[in-house]
């Protein structure tokens, strides 16, 4: 599995600029949280000693509904095949093999859905923004831009669901090699944009 982020003992650093902290959320460590402010026990491969993580984001949990619902439907597949007598048409023993294979594929689909959500993360630090795109157990893409390269930050929410649950996209225009970063379907996009604006002002 790609070493997307690890937890060494060197997480806390002094003397680095940061926006005003919300003391009720400082040092959060929520394993499956989509919005981690000043997270503790979380790191990434290329972080410098003086660099401190301000935000670690994932997509809002509601994006998991699609693959969870599909998984639940797939789990009922062998039951329906049995009810409609499909298995009775097959040679003896084939029904067991097909059922086991069906559940194996379904399990792989569910695991892939969860891993794609869990390991696709966005970092905002005191030095840079990082977009980690997790493709599978063997591949990922990491995009990085320094804060002083950021030119514009905007955010948007879409539809009733995004408005009610308060999640949306944060668009970041940069002068770096990658000219546009998009934090997709993240919780509280206006707060994320505010943190970025505060950091940019310090530079």
N, C-alpha and C. Protein backbone atom coordinates (compact mmCIF):
# COMPACT_ATOMS: atom_id res chain seq x y z
N UNK A 1 0.85 -1.19 0.00
CA UNK A 1 0.00 0.00 0.00
C UNK A 1 0.89 1.25 0.00
N UNK A 2 0.62 2.24 -0.83
CA UNK A 2 1.45 3.44 -0.86
C UNK A 2 1.49 4.13 0.49
N UNK A 3 2.69 4.63 0.83
CA UNK A 3 2.87 5.28 2.12
C UNK A 3 2.42 6.73 2.00
N UNK A 4 1.11 6.93 1.94
CA UNK A 4 0.57 8.27 1.71
C UNK A 4 0.83 9.18 2.88
N UNK A 5 0.53 8.73 4.08
CA UNK A 5 0.87 9.51 5.25
C UNK A 5 1.17 8.59 6.41
N UNK A 6 2.13 9.00 7.20
CA UNK A 6 2.59 8.21 8.34
C UNK A 6 2.51 9.07 9.57
N UNK A 7 2.90 8.52 10.72
CA UNK A 7 2.73 9.25 11.97
C UNK A 7 4.01 9.24 12.80
N UNK A 8 5.04 9.98 12.40
CA UNK A 8 6.24 10.05 13.20
C UNK A 8 6.03 10.95 14.40
N UNK A 9 7.05 11.02 15.26
CA UNK A 9 6.94 11.80 16.48
C UNK A 9 7.24 13.27 16.28
N UNK A 10 7.55 13.68 15.03
CA UNK A 10 7.99 15.05 14.81
C UNK A 10 6.89 15.93 14.29
N UNK A 11 5.68 15.73 14.74
CA UNK A 11 4.55 16.46 14.18
C UNK A 11 4.51 17.92 14.59
N UNK A 12 4.86 18.28 15.83
CA UNK A 12 4.70 19.63 16.32
C UNK A 12 5.98 20.43 16.13
N UNK A 13 5.84 21.63 15.56
CA UNK A 13 6.97 22.51 15.33
C UNK A 13 6.62 23.90 15.82
N UNK A 14 7.66 24.64 16.21
CA UNK A 14 7.44 25.99 16.72
C UNK A 14 7.98 27.00 15.73
N UNK A 15 7.44 28.20 15.82
CA UNK A 15 7.97 29.30 15.05
C UNK A 15 7.51 29.37 13.62
N UNK A 16 6.47 28.65 13.25
CA UNK A 16 5.96 28.70 11.89
C UNK A 16 4.69 29.53 11.85
N UNK A 17 4.50 30.31 10.78
CA UNK A 17 3.30 31.13 10.70
C UNK A 17 2.07 30.27 10.52
N UNK A 18 0.96 30.69 11.07
CA UNK A 18 -0.29 29.95 10.90
C UNK A 18 -1.44 30.90 11.14
N UNK A 19 -2.59 30.65 10.55
CA UNK A 19 -3.74 31.47 10.84
C UNK A 19 -4.21 31.24 12.26
N UNK A 20 -5.11 32.10 12.72
CA UNK A 20 -5.61 31.99 14.07
C UNK A 20 -6.28 30.64 14.28
N UNK A 21 -5.93 29.95 15.36
CA UNK A 21 -6.41 28.61 15.61
C UNK A 21 -7.74 28.63 16.35
N UNK A 22 -8.54 27.66 16.04
CA UNK A 22 -9.74 27.41 16.81
C UNK A 22 -9.37 26.41 17.89
N UNK A 23 -9.28 26.85 19.11
CA UNK A 23 -8.74 26.02 20.17
C UNK A 23 -9.61 24.82 20.47
N UNK A 24 -10.87 24.87 20.10
CA UNK A 24 -11.73 23.72 20.36
C UNK A 24 -11.45 22.59 19.37
N UNK A 25 -10.75 22.89 18.26
CA UNK A 25 -10.50 21.87 17.26
C UNK A 25 -9.02 21.59 17.10
N UNK A 26 -8.15 22.32 17.75
CA UNK A 26 -6.72 22.17 17.57
C UNK A 26 -6.28 20.77 17.97
N UNK A 27 -5.42 20.18 17.15
CA UNK A 27 -4.87 18.89 17.47
C UNK A 27 -5.85 17.75 17.33
N UNK A 28 -6.80 17.85 16.40
CA UNK A 28 -7.78 16.78 16.24
C UNK A 28 -7.12 15.56 15.64
N UNK A 29 -7.61 14.41 16.02
CA UNK A 29 -7.13 13.15 15.46
C UNK A 29 -8.33 12.23 15.30
N UNK A 30 -9.00 12.37 14.16
CA UNK A 30 -10.18 11.57 13.88
C UNK A 30 -9.87 10.72 12.65
N UNK A 31 -9.80 9.42 12.87
CA UNK A 31 -9.31 8.50 11.86
C UNK A 31 -10.06 8.61 10.54
N UNK A 32 -11.39 8.72 10.61
CA UNK A 32 -12.20 8.73 9.39
C UNK A 32 -12.84 10.09 9.13
N UNK A 33 -12.30 11.14 9.73
CA UNK A 33 -12.87 12.48 9.56
C UNK A 33 -12.53 13.03 8.18
N UNK A 34 -13.43 13.83 7.64
CA UNK A 34 -13.19 14.50 6.36
C UNK A 34 -12.60 15.89 6.54
N UNK A 35 -12.65 16.42 7.77
CA UNK A 35 -12.16 17.77 8.03
C UNK A 35 -11.33 17.72 9.31
N UNK A 36 -10.01 17.68 9.15
CA UNK A 36 -9.10 17.63 10.29
C UNK A 36 -8.33 18.95 10.38
N UNK A 37 -8.62 19.72 11.40
CA UNK A 37 -7.96 20.99 11.62
C UNK A 37 -6.79 20.81 12.59
N UNK A 38 -5.59 21.22 12.17
CA UNK A 38 -4.37 21.01 12.94
C UNK A 38 -4.29 19.57 13.44
N UNK A 39 -4.31 18.60 12.53
CA UNK A 39 -4.38 17.19 12.94
C UNK A 39 -3.11 16.76 13.68
N UNK A 40 -3.29 15.89 14.64
CA UNK A 40 -2.14 15.32 15.36
C UNK A 40 -1.94 13.89 14.89
N UNK A 41 -0.69 13.45 14.92
CA UNK A 41 -0.38 12.08 14.55
C UNK A 41 -0.51 11.78 13.07
N UNK A 42 -0.52 12.81 12.22
CA UNK A 42 -0.66 12.63 10.78
C UNK A 42 0.51 13.34 10.09
N UNK A 43 1.04 12.71 9.07
CA UNK A 43 2.18 13.28 8.36
C UNK A 43 2.13 12.84 6.91
N UNK A 44 3.01 13.41 6.08
CA UNK A 44 3.15 12.95 4.71
C UNK A 44 4.63 12.93 4.37
N UNK A 45 4.94 12.27 3.27
CA UNK A 45 6.31 11.88 2.98
C UNK A 45 7.29 13.03 2.86
N UNK A 46 6.88 14.14 2.24
CA UNK A 46 7.82 15.20 1.88
C UNK A 46 7.79 16.41 2.82
N UNK A 47 7.13 16.30 3.96
CA UNK A 47 7.01 17.45 4.84
C UNK A 47 8.36 17.85 5.43
N UNK A 48 8.65 19.16 5.41
CA UNK A 48 9.86 19.68 6.00
C UNK A 48 9.70 19.81 7.51
N UNK A 49 10.84 19.90 8.22
CA UNK A 49 10.80 19.98 9.68
C UNK A 49 10.04 21.21 10.17
N UNK A 50 10.18 22.33 9.48
CA UNK A 50 9.54 23.57 9.92
C UNK A 50 8.08 23.67 9.46
N UNK A 51 7.65 22.73 8.68
CA UNK A 51 6.32 22.79 8.06
C UNK A 51 5.28 22.13 8.96
N UNK A 52 4.17 22.80 9.16
CA UNK A 52 3.11 22.28 10.00
C UNK A 52 1.83 22.10 9.19
N UNK A 53 1.15 20.99 9.42
CA UNK A 53 -0.11 20.72 8.73
C UNK A 53 -1.23 21.51 9.39
N UNK A 54 -1.94 22.27 8.60
CA UNK A 54 -3.07 23.05 9.10
C UNK A 54 -4.38 22.31 8.85
N UNK A 55 -4.54 21.77 7.67
CA UNK A 55 -5.77 21.04 7.32
C UNK A 55 -5.43 19.75 6.61
N UNK A 56 -6.15 18.71 6.93
CA UNK A 56 -6.16 17.50 6.12
C UNK A 56 -7.62 17.21 5.78
N UNK A 57 -7.89 17.14 4.49
CA UNK A 57 -9.27 17.01 4.03
C UNK A 57 -9.46 15.75 3.21
N UNK A 58 -10.66 15.22 3.32
CA UNK A 58 -11.14 14.18 2.41
C UNK A 58 -12.48 14.65 1.85
N UNK A 59 -12.98 13.94 0.87
CA UNK A 59 -14.31 14.25 0.38
C UNK A 59 -15.34 13.95 1.47
N UNK A 60 -16.44 14.68 1.42
CA UNK A 60 -17.51 14.49 2.39
C UNK A 60 -17.97 13.02 2.37
N UNK A 61 -18.27 12.43 3.53
CA UNK A 61 -18.69 11.02 3.57
C UNK A 61 -19.87 10.68 2.69
N UNK A 62 -20.69 11.67 2.35
CA UNK A 62 -21.87 11.38 1.53
C UNK A 62 -21.48 10.85 0.15
N UNK A 63 -20.26 11.12 -0.31
CA UNK A 63 -19.85 10.60 -1.62
C UNK A 63 -19.72 9.08 -1.60
N UNK A 64 -19.65 8.49 -0.42
CA UNK A 64 -19.56 7.03 -0.31
C UNK A 64 -20.89 6.33 -0.52
N UNK A 65 -21.98 7.08 -0.51
CA UNK A 65 -23.30 6.46 -0.61
C UNK A 65 -23.43 5.63 -1.88
N UNK A 66 -22.86 6.10 -2.98
CA UNK A 66 -23.01 5.42 -4.26
C UNK A 66 -22.44 4.01 -4.22
N UNK A 67 -21.16 3.90 -3.79
CA UNK A 67 -20.55 2.56 -3.80
C UNK A 67 -21.11 1.68 -2.68
N UNK A 68 -21.54 2.28 -1.57
CA UNK A 68 -22.15 1.48 -0.50
C UNK A 68 -23.49 0.90 -0.98
N UNK A 69 -24.30 1.73 -1.62
CA UNK A 69 -25.59 1.26 -2.13
C UNK A 69 -25.40 0.17 -3.18
N UNK A 70 -24.42 0.38 -4.08
CA UNK A 70 -24.13 -0.62 -5.11
C UNK A 70 -23.67 -1.93 -4.49
N UNK A 71 -22.84 -1.84 -3.45
CA UNK A 71 -22.37 -3.05 -2.77
C UNK A 71 -23.53 -3.83 -2.15
N UNK A 72 -24.46 -3.10 -1.52
CA UNK A 72 -25.61 -3.77 -0.91
C UNK A 72 -26.46 -4.48 -1.96
N UNK A 73 -26.63 -3.84 -3.12
CA UNK A 73 -27.37 -4.49 -4.20
C UNK A 73 -26.65 -5.75 -4.69
N UNK A 74 -25.33 -5.65 -4.85
CA UNK A 74 -24.56 -6.80 -5.33
C UNK A 74 -24.62 -7.97 -4.35
N UNK A 75 -24.69 -7.65 -3.06
CA UNK A 75 -24.73 -8.72 -2.06
C UNK A 75 -26.00 -9.56 -2.17
N UNK A 76 -27.04 -8.98 -2.73
CA UNK A 76 -28.30 -9.72 -2.88
C UNK A 76 -28.33 -10.58 -4.16
N UNK A 77 -27.30 -10.44 -4.99
CA UNK A 77 -27.28 -11.14 -6.27
C UNK A 77 -27.47 -12.65 -6.17
N UNK A 78 -26.64 -13.37 -5.40
CA UNK A 78 -26.81 -14.83 -5.29
C UNK A 78 -28.18 -15.24 -4.77
N UNK A 79 -28.76 -14.44 -3.88
CA UNK A 79 -30.09 -14.75 -3.36
C UNK A 79 -31.13 -14.72 -4.48
N UNK A 80 -31.07 -13.70 -5.32
CA UNK A 80 -32.02 -13.61 -6.43
C UNK A 80 -31.80 -14.74 -7.45
N UNK A 81 -30.53 -15.08 -7.70
CA UNK A 81 -30.26 -16.19 -8.62
C UNK A 81 -30.85 -17.49 -8.10
N UNK A 82 -30.77 -17.66 -6.79
CA UNK A 82 -31.33 -18.87 -6.17
C UNK A 82 -32.86 -18.86 -6.23
N UNK A 83 -33.47 -17.69 -5.95
CA UNK A 83 -34.93 -17.59 -5.95
C UNK A 83 -35.50 -17.89 -7.32
N UNK A 84 -34.85 -17.40 -8.37
CA UNK A 84 -35.35 -17.59 -9.73
C UNK A 84 -34.90 -18.92 -10.34
N UNK A 85 -34.24 -19.74 -9.54
CA UNK A 85 -33.89 -21.09 -9.99
C UNK A 85 -32.74 -21.17 -10.96
N UNK A 86 -31.95 -20.13 -11.07
CA UNK A 86 -30.80 -20.16 -12.00
C UNK A 86 -29.80 -21.22 -11.57
N UNK A 87 -29.56 -21.33 -10.26
CA UNK A 87 -28.57 -22.29 -9.77
C UNK A 87 -28.99 -23.73 -10.06
N UNK A 88 -30.29 -23.98 -10.09
CA UNK A 88 -30.76 -25.35 -10.34
C UNK A 88 -30.46 -25.82 -11.77
N UNK A 89 -30.18 -24.88 -12.66
CA UNK A 89 -29.86 -25.23 -14.03
C UNK A 89 -28.39 -25.57 -14.22
N UNK A 90 -27.58 -25.31 -13.21
CA UNK A 90 -26.14 -25.51 -13.30
C UNK A 90 -25.75 -26.87 -12.74
N UNK A 91 -24.61 -27.42 -13.18
CA UNK A 91 -24.11 -28.67 -12.62
C UNK A 91 -23.87 -28.54 -11.11
N UNK A 92 -23.88 -29.64 -10.42
CA UNK A 92 -23.70 -29.64 -8.97
C UNK A 92 -22.35 -29.04 -8.60
N UNK A 93 -22.34 -28.16 -7.63
CA UNK A 93 -21.11 -27.54 -7.17
C UNK A 93 -20.84 -26.19 -7.80
N UNK A 94 -21.42 -25.95 -8.97
CA UNK A 94 -21.18 -24.68 -9.65
C UNK A 94 -21.79 -23.51 -8.88
N UNK A 95 -22.92 -23.75 -8.25
CA UNK A 95 -23.58 -22.66 -7.53
C UNK A 95 -22.70 -22.13 -6.40
N UNK A 96 -22.00 -23.05 -5.71
CA UNK A 96 -21.11 -22.63 -4.63
C UNK A 96 -19.94 -21.81 -5.17
N UNK A 97 -19.35 -22.26 -6.27
CA UNK A 97 -18.23 -21.54 -6.87
C UNK A 97 -18.65 -20.15 -7.32
N UNK A 98 -19.81 -20.09 -7.98
CA UNK A 98 -20.30 -18.80 -8.48
C UNK A 98 -20.61 -17.86 -7.33
N UNK A 99 -21.22 -18.39 -6.26
CA UNK A 99 -21.54 -17.56 -5.10
C UNK A 99 -20.29 -17.00 -4.45
N UNK A 100 -19.28 -17.86 -4.26
CA UNK A 100 -18.02 -17.41 -3.64
C UNK A 100 -17.33 -16.36 -4.52
N UNK A 101 -17.31 -16.60 -5.83
CA UNK A 101 -16.69 -15.64 -6.75
C UNK A 101 -17.44 -14.32 -6.73
N UNK A 102 -18.76 -14.41 -6.69
CA UNK A 102 -19.60 -13.19 -6.67
C UNK A 102 -19.27 -12.34 -5.44
N UNK A 103 -19.23 -12.99 -4.27
CA UNK A 103 -18.95 -12.25 -3.03
C UNK A 103 -17.51 -11.74 -3.00
N UNK A 104 -16.59 -12.46 -3.61
CA UNK A 104 -15.20 -12.00 -3.67
C UNK A 104 -15.09 -10.73 -4.49
N UNK A 105 -15.75 -10.73 -5.66
CA UNK A 105 -15.72 -9.53 -6.51
C UNK A 105 -16.41 -8.36 -5.81
N UNK A 106 -17.53 -8.65 -5.16
CA UNK A 106 -18.26 -7.60 -4.44
C UNK A 106 -17.40 -7.01 -3.32
N UNK A 107 -16.70 -7.88 -2.58
CA UNK A 107 -15.82 -7.41 -1.50
C UNK A 107 -14.71 -6.53 -2.06
N UNK A 108 -14.12 -6.95 -3.18
CA UNK A 108 -13.06 -6.16 -3.80
C UNK A 108 -13.57 -4.79 -4.22
N UNK A 109 -14.78 -4.75 -4.77
CA UNK A 109 -15.39 -3.48 -5.18
C UNK A 109 -15.59 -2.56 -3.97
N UNK A 110 -16.09 -3.11 -2.85
CA UNK A 110 -16.33 -2.31 -1.66
C UNK A 110 -15.03 -1.80 -1.07
N UNK A 111 -14.02 -2.66 -1.01
CA UNK A 111 -12.72 -2.25 -0.46
C UNK A 111 -12.10 -1.15 -1.30
N UNK A 112 -12.18 -1.29 -2.63
CA UNK A 112 -11.64 -0.27 -3.51
C UNK A 112 -12.36 1.06 -3.33
N UNK A 113 -13.68 1.00 -3.17
CA UNK A 113 -14.44 2.23 -2.94
C UNK A 113 -14.01 2.94 -1.66
N UNK A 114 -13.83 2.17 -0.59
CA UNK A 114 -13.41 2.76 0.67
C UNK A 114 -11.99 3.33 0.58
N UNK A 115 -11.07 2.57 0.01
CA UNK A 115 -9.68 3.03 -0.09
C UNK A 115 -9.56 4.29 -0.94
N UNK A 116 -10.34 4.35 -2.03
CA UNK A 116 -10.30 5.55 -2.86
C UNK A 116 -10.75 6.77 -2.08
N UNK A 117 -11.74 6.61 -1.22
CA UNK A 117 -12.17 7.74 -0.39
C UNK A 117 -11.15 8.05 0.70
N UNK A 118 -10.65 7.04 1.37
CA UNK A 118 -9.79 7.24 2.53
C UNK A 118 -8.43 7.82 2.16
N UNK A 119 -7.86 7.37 1.05
CA UNK A 119 -6.50 7.79 0.70
C UNK A 119 -6.44 8.94 -0.29
N UNK A 120 -7.56 9.36 -0.85
CA UNK A 120 -7.57 10.60 -1.63
C UNK A 120 -7.71 11.77 -0.66
N UNK A 121 -6.62 12.43 -0.38
CA UNK A 121 -6.60 13.46 0.65
C UNK A 121 -6.01 14.76 0.11
N UNK A 122 -6.35 15.84 0.81
CA UNK A 122 -5.81 17.15 0.50
C UNK A 122 -5.16 17.70 1.76
N UNK A 123 -3.95 18.24 1.63
CA UNK A 123 -3.26 18.85 2.75
C UNK A 123 -3.10 20.35 2.49
N UNK A 124 -3.30 21.12 3.53
CA UNK A 124 -2.92 22.54 3.54
C UNK A 124 -1.93 22.70 4.68
N UNK A 125 -0.73 23.17 4.36
CA UNK A 125 0.29 23.35 5.39
C UNK A 125 0.71 24.81 5.44
N UNK A 126 1.64 25.11 6.29
CA UNK A 126 2.15 26.47 6.40
C UNK A 126 3.06 26.84 5.23
N UNK A 127 3.35 25.87 4.35
CA UNK A 127 4.25 26.13 3.24
C UNK A 127 3.61 25.85 1.87
N UNK A 128 2.66 24.92 1.80
CA UNK A 128 2.19 24.47 0.50
C UNK A 128 0.82 23.81 0.59
N UNK A 129 0.26 23.53 -0.58
CA UNK A 129 -0.95 22.71 -0.67
C UNK A 129 -0.58 21.44 -1.42
N UNK A 130 -1.21 20.34 -1.03
CA UNK A 130 -0.88 19.04 -1.59
C UNK A 130 -2.16 18.30 -1.91
N UNK A 131 -2.22 17.75 -3.11
CA UNK A 131 -3.36 16.95 -3.56
C UNK A 131 -2.86 15.54 -3.82
N UNK A 132 -3.31 14.58 -3.01
CA UNK A 132 -2.90 13.18 -3.16
C UNK A 132 -4.04 12.43 -3.84
N UNK A 133 -3.80 11.96 -5.06
CA UNK A 133 -4.78 11.17 -5.81
C UNK A 133 -4.38 9.71 -5.74
N UNK A 134 -5.19 8.91 -5.06
CA UNK A 134 -4.93 7.48 -4.90
C UNK A 134 -5.70 6.73 -5.97
N UNK A 135 -4.97 5.95 -6.78
CA UNK A 135 -5.60 5.21 -7.87
C UNK A 135 -5.90 3.76 -7.48
N UNK A 136 -4.92 3.10 -6.90
CA UNK A 136 -5.07 1.73 -6.45
C UNK A 136 -3.91 1.43 -5.50
N UNK A 137 -3.78 0.18 -5.12
CA UNK A 137 -2.73 -0.17 -4.16
C UNK A 137 -1.33 0.03 -4.72
N UNK A 138 -1.21 0.17 -6.02
CA UNK A 138 0.11 0.28 -6.65
C UNK A 138 0.41 1.66 -7.21
N UNK A 139 -0.54 2.57 -7.16
CA UNK A 139 -0.30 3.86 -7.79
C UNK A 139 -0.99 5.03 -7.12
N UNK A 140 -0.33 6.17 -7.17
CA UNK A 140 -0.91 7.42 -6.68
C UNK A 140 -0.23 8.56 -7.42
N UNK A 141 -0.85 9.74 -7.35
CA UNK A 141 -0.26 10.95 -7.92
C UNK A 141 -0.34 12.04 -6.86
N UNK A 142 0.79 12.73 -6.65
CA UNK A 142 0.86 13.79 -5.65
C UNK A 142 1.18 15.10 -6.36
N UNK A 143 0.29 16.09 -6.22
CA UNK A 143 0.49 17.41 -6.82
C UNK A 143 0.73 18.42 -5.71
N UNK A 144 1.74 19.29 -5.90
CA UNK A 144 2.16 20.22 -4.85
C UNK A 144 2.31 21.61 -5.43
N UNK A 145 1.90 22.62 -4.66
CA UNK A 145 2.12 24.02 -5.04
C UNK A 145 2.45 24.81 -3.78
N UNK A 146 3.47 25.64 -3.85
CA UNK A 146 3.82 26.49 -2.71
C UNK A 146 2.75 27.56 -2.51
N UNK A 147 2.59 27.99 -1.26
CA UNK A 147 1.57 29.00 -0.96
C UNK A 147 1.82 30.30 -1.70
N UNK A 148 3.10 30.65 -1.89
CA UNK A 148 3.39 31.92 -2.56
C UNK A 148 3.11 31.87 -4.06
N UNK A 149 2.75 30.69 -4.57
CA UNK A 149 2.37 30.55 -5.97
C UNK A 149 0.86 30.67 -6.18
N UNK A 150 0.09 30.67 -5.08
CA UNK A 150 -1.36 30.73 -5.19
C UNK A 150 -1.79 32.14 -5.60
N UNK A 151 -2.62 32.22 -6.63
CA UNK A 151 -3.08 33.51 -7.14
C UNK A 151 -4.53 33.81 -6.78
N UNK A 152 -5.34 32.78 -6.70
CA UNK A 152 -6.76 33.02 -6.44
C UNK A 152 -7.38 31.78 -5.81
N UNK A 153 -8.31 32.01 -4.88
CA UNK A 153 -9.02 30.91 -4.22
C UNK A 153 -10.52 31.22 -4.29
N UNK A 154 -11.29 30.25 -4.70
CA UNK A 154 -12.75 30.40 -4.73
C UNK A 154 -13.38 29.07 -4.32
N UNK A 155 -14.65 29.11 -3.96
CA UNK A 155 -15.33 27.88 -3.59
C UNK A 155 -16.75 27.89 -4.12
N UNK A 156 -17.33 26.71 -4.22
CA UNK A 156 -18.71 26.60 -4.72
C UNK A 156 -19.37 25.38 -4.11
N UNK A 157 -20.68 25.46 -3.96
CA UNK A 157 -21.50 24.32 -3.56
C UNK A 157 -22.51 24.05 -4.66
N UNK A 158 -22.95 22.79 -4.74
CA UNK A 158 -23.83 22.42 -5.84
C UNK A 158 -25.05 21.67 -5.33
N UNK A 159 -26.21 22.11 -5.74
CA UNK A 159 -27.43 21.38 -5.46
C UNK A 159 -27.90 21.49 -4.01
N UNK A 160 -29.05 20.89 -3.78
CA UNK A 160 -29.66 20.92 -2.46
C UNK A 160 -28.81 20.16 -1.45
N UNK A 161 -28.31 18.99 -1.87
CA UNK A 161 -27.54 18.16 -0.95
C UNK A 161 -26.27 18.87 -0.50
N UNK A 162 -25.57 19.50 -1.43
CA UNK A 162 -24.35 20.22 -1.07
C UNK A 162 -24.63 21.39 -0.15
N UNK A 163 -25.76 22.07 -0.38
CA UNK A 163 -26.11 23.21 0.46
C UNK A 163 -26.51 22.77 1.85
N UNK A 164 -27.34 21.73 1.95
CA UNK A 164 -27.83 21.26 3.24
C UNK A 164 -26.70 20.65 4.07
N UNK A 165 -25.86 19.84 3.44
CA UNK A 165 -24.77 19.17 4.17
C UNK A 165 -23.49 19.99 4.21
N UNK A 166 -23.49 21.14 3.54
CA UNK A 166 -22.36 22.07 3.55
C UNK A 166 -21.07 21.42 3.06
N UNK A 167 -21.09 20.98 1.80
CA UNK A 167 -19.86 20.53 1.17
C UNK A 167 -19.84 21.02 -0.27
N UNK A 168 -18.64 21.12 -0.82
CA UNK A 168 -18.50 21.63 -2.17
C UNK A 168 -17.06 21.60 -2.61
N UNK A 169 -16.75 22.34 -3.67
CA UNK A 169 -15.42 22.34 -4.26
C UNK A 169 -14.69 23.64 -3.93
N UNK A 170 -13.39 23.52 -3.74
CA UNK A 170 -12.53 24.69 -3.57
C UNK A 170 -11.59 24.73 -4.77
N UNK A 171 -11.65 25.81 -5.54
CA UNK A 171 -10.80 25.98 -6.72
C UNK A 171 -9.62 26.89 -6.37
N UNK A 172 -8.43 26.46 -6.73
CA UNK A 172 -7.22 27.21 -6.40
C UNK A 172 -6.42 27.42 -7.68
N UNK A 173 -6.27 28.67 -8.06
CA UNK A 173 -5.45 29.02 -9.22
C UNK A 173 -4.03 29.34 -8.75
N UNK A 174 -3.04 28.77 -9.44
CA UNK A 174 -1.65 28.97 -9.02
C UNK A 174 -0.79 29.37 -10.22
N UNK A 175 0.40 29.85 -9.89
CA UNK A 175 1.41 30.14 -10.91
C UNK A 175 2.43 29.02 -10.97
N UNK A 176 2.12 27.87 -10.39
CA UNK A 176 3.02 26.73 -10.39
C UNK A 176 2.86 25.94 -11.69
N UNK A 177 3.57 24.82 -11.78
CA UNK A 177 3.50 23.98 -12.97
C UNK A 177 2.08 23.49 -13.20
N UNK A 178 1.40 23.09 -12.11
CA UNK A 178 -0.01 22.75 -12.18
C UNK A 178 -0.79 24.01 -11.84
N UNK A 179 -1.50 24.53 -12.82
CA UNK A 179 -2.09 25.86 -12.67
C UNK A 179 -3.40 25.87 -11.89
N UNK A 180 -4.04 24.71 -11.75
CA UNK A 180 -5.31 24.68 -11.03
C UNK A 180 -5.39 23.45 -10.13
N UNK A 181 -5.72 23.69 -8.88
CA UNK A 181 -6.00 22.62 -7.93
C UNK A 181 -7.49 22.67 -7.60
N UNK A 182 -8.06 21.51 -7.42
CA UNK A 182 -9.47 21.44 -7.05
C UNK A 182 -9.65 20.45 -5.91
N UNK A 183 -10.06 20.98 -4.77
CA UNK A 183 -10.42 20.13 -3.65
C UNK A 183 -11.90 19.80 -3.81
N UNK A 184 -12.21 18.59 -4.22
CA UNK A 184 -13.57 18.25 -4.62
C UNK A 184 -14.40 17.71 -3.46
N UNK A 185 -15.62 18.22 -3.35
CA UNK A 185 -16.64 17.72 -2.41
C UNK A 185 -16.14 17.69 -0.97
N UNK A 186 -15.40 18.72 -0.55
CA UNK A 186 -14.88 18.77 0.80
C UNK A 186 -15.88 19.46 1.73
N UNK A 187 -15.88 19.09 3.01
CA UNK A 187 -16.78 19.76 3.96
C UNK A 187 -16.37 21.22 4.16
N UNK A 188 -17.34 22.06 4.46
CA UNK A 188 -17.12 23.47 4.79
C UNK A 188 -16.16 24.16 3.82
N UNK A 189 -16.50 24.20 2.53
CA UNK A 189 -15.56 24.80 1.56
C UNK A 189 -15.25 26.26 1.85
N UNK A 190 -16.21 26.99 2.44
CA UNK A 190 -15.93 28.40 2.74
C UNK A 190 -14.86 28.53 3.82
N UNK A 191 -14.84 27.62 4.78
CA UNK A 191 -13.80 27.65 5.81
C UNK A 191 -12.43 27.31 5.22
N UNK A 192 -12.41 26.35 4.32
CA UNK A 192 -11.15 25.99 3.67
C UNK A 192 -10.60 27.17 2.89
N UNK A 193 -11.48 27.85 2.13
CA UNK A 193 -11.04 29.03 1.38
C UNK A 193 -10.56 30.13 2.31
N UNK A 194 -11.21 30.29 3.46
CA UNK A 194 -10.80 31.31 4.43
C UNK A 194 -9.42 31.01 4.99
N UNK A 195 -9.16 29.76 5.34
CA UNK A 195 -7.83 29.39 5.82
C UNK A 195 -6.76 29.67 4.77
N UNK A 196 -7.05 29.33 3.53
CA UNK A 196 -6.09 29.59 2.47
C UNK A 196 -5.86 31.07 2.28
N UNK A 197 -6.92 31.86 2.32
CA UNK A 197 -6.76 33.30 2.19
C UNK A 197 -5.91 33.87 3.33
N UNK A 198 -6.13 33.40 4.54
CA UNK A 198 -5.34 33.86 5.68
C UNK A 198 -3.87 33.53 5.52
N UNK A 199 -3.61 32.32 5.03
CA UNK A 199 -2.21 31.91 4.81
C UNK A 199 -1.55 32.74 3.72
N UNK A 200 -2.30 32.98 2.64
CA UNK A 200 -1.73 33.76 1.54
C UNK A 200 -1.40 35.18 2.00
N UNK A 201 -2.27 35.76 2.85
CA UNK A 201 -2.02 37.09 3.36
C UNK A 201 -0.70 37.17 4.15
N UNK A 202 -0.32 36.08 4.79
CA UNK A 202 0.90 36.08 5.58
C UNK A 202 2.15 36.03 4.69
N UNK A 203 1.95 35.67 3.43
CA UNK A 203 3.08 35.63 2.51
C UNK A 203 3.11 36.82 1.59
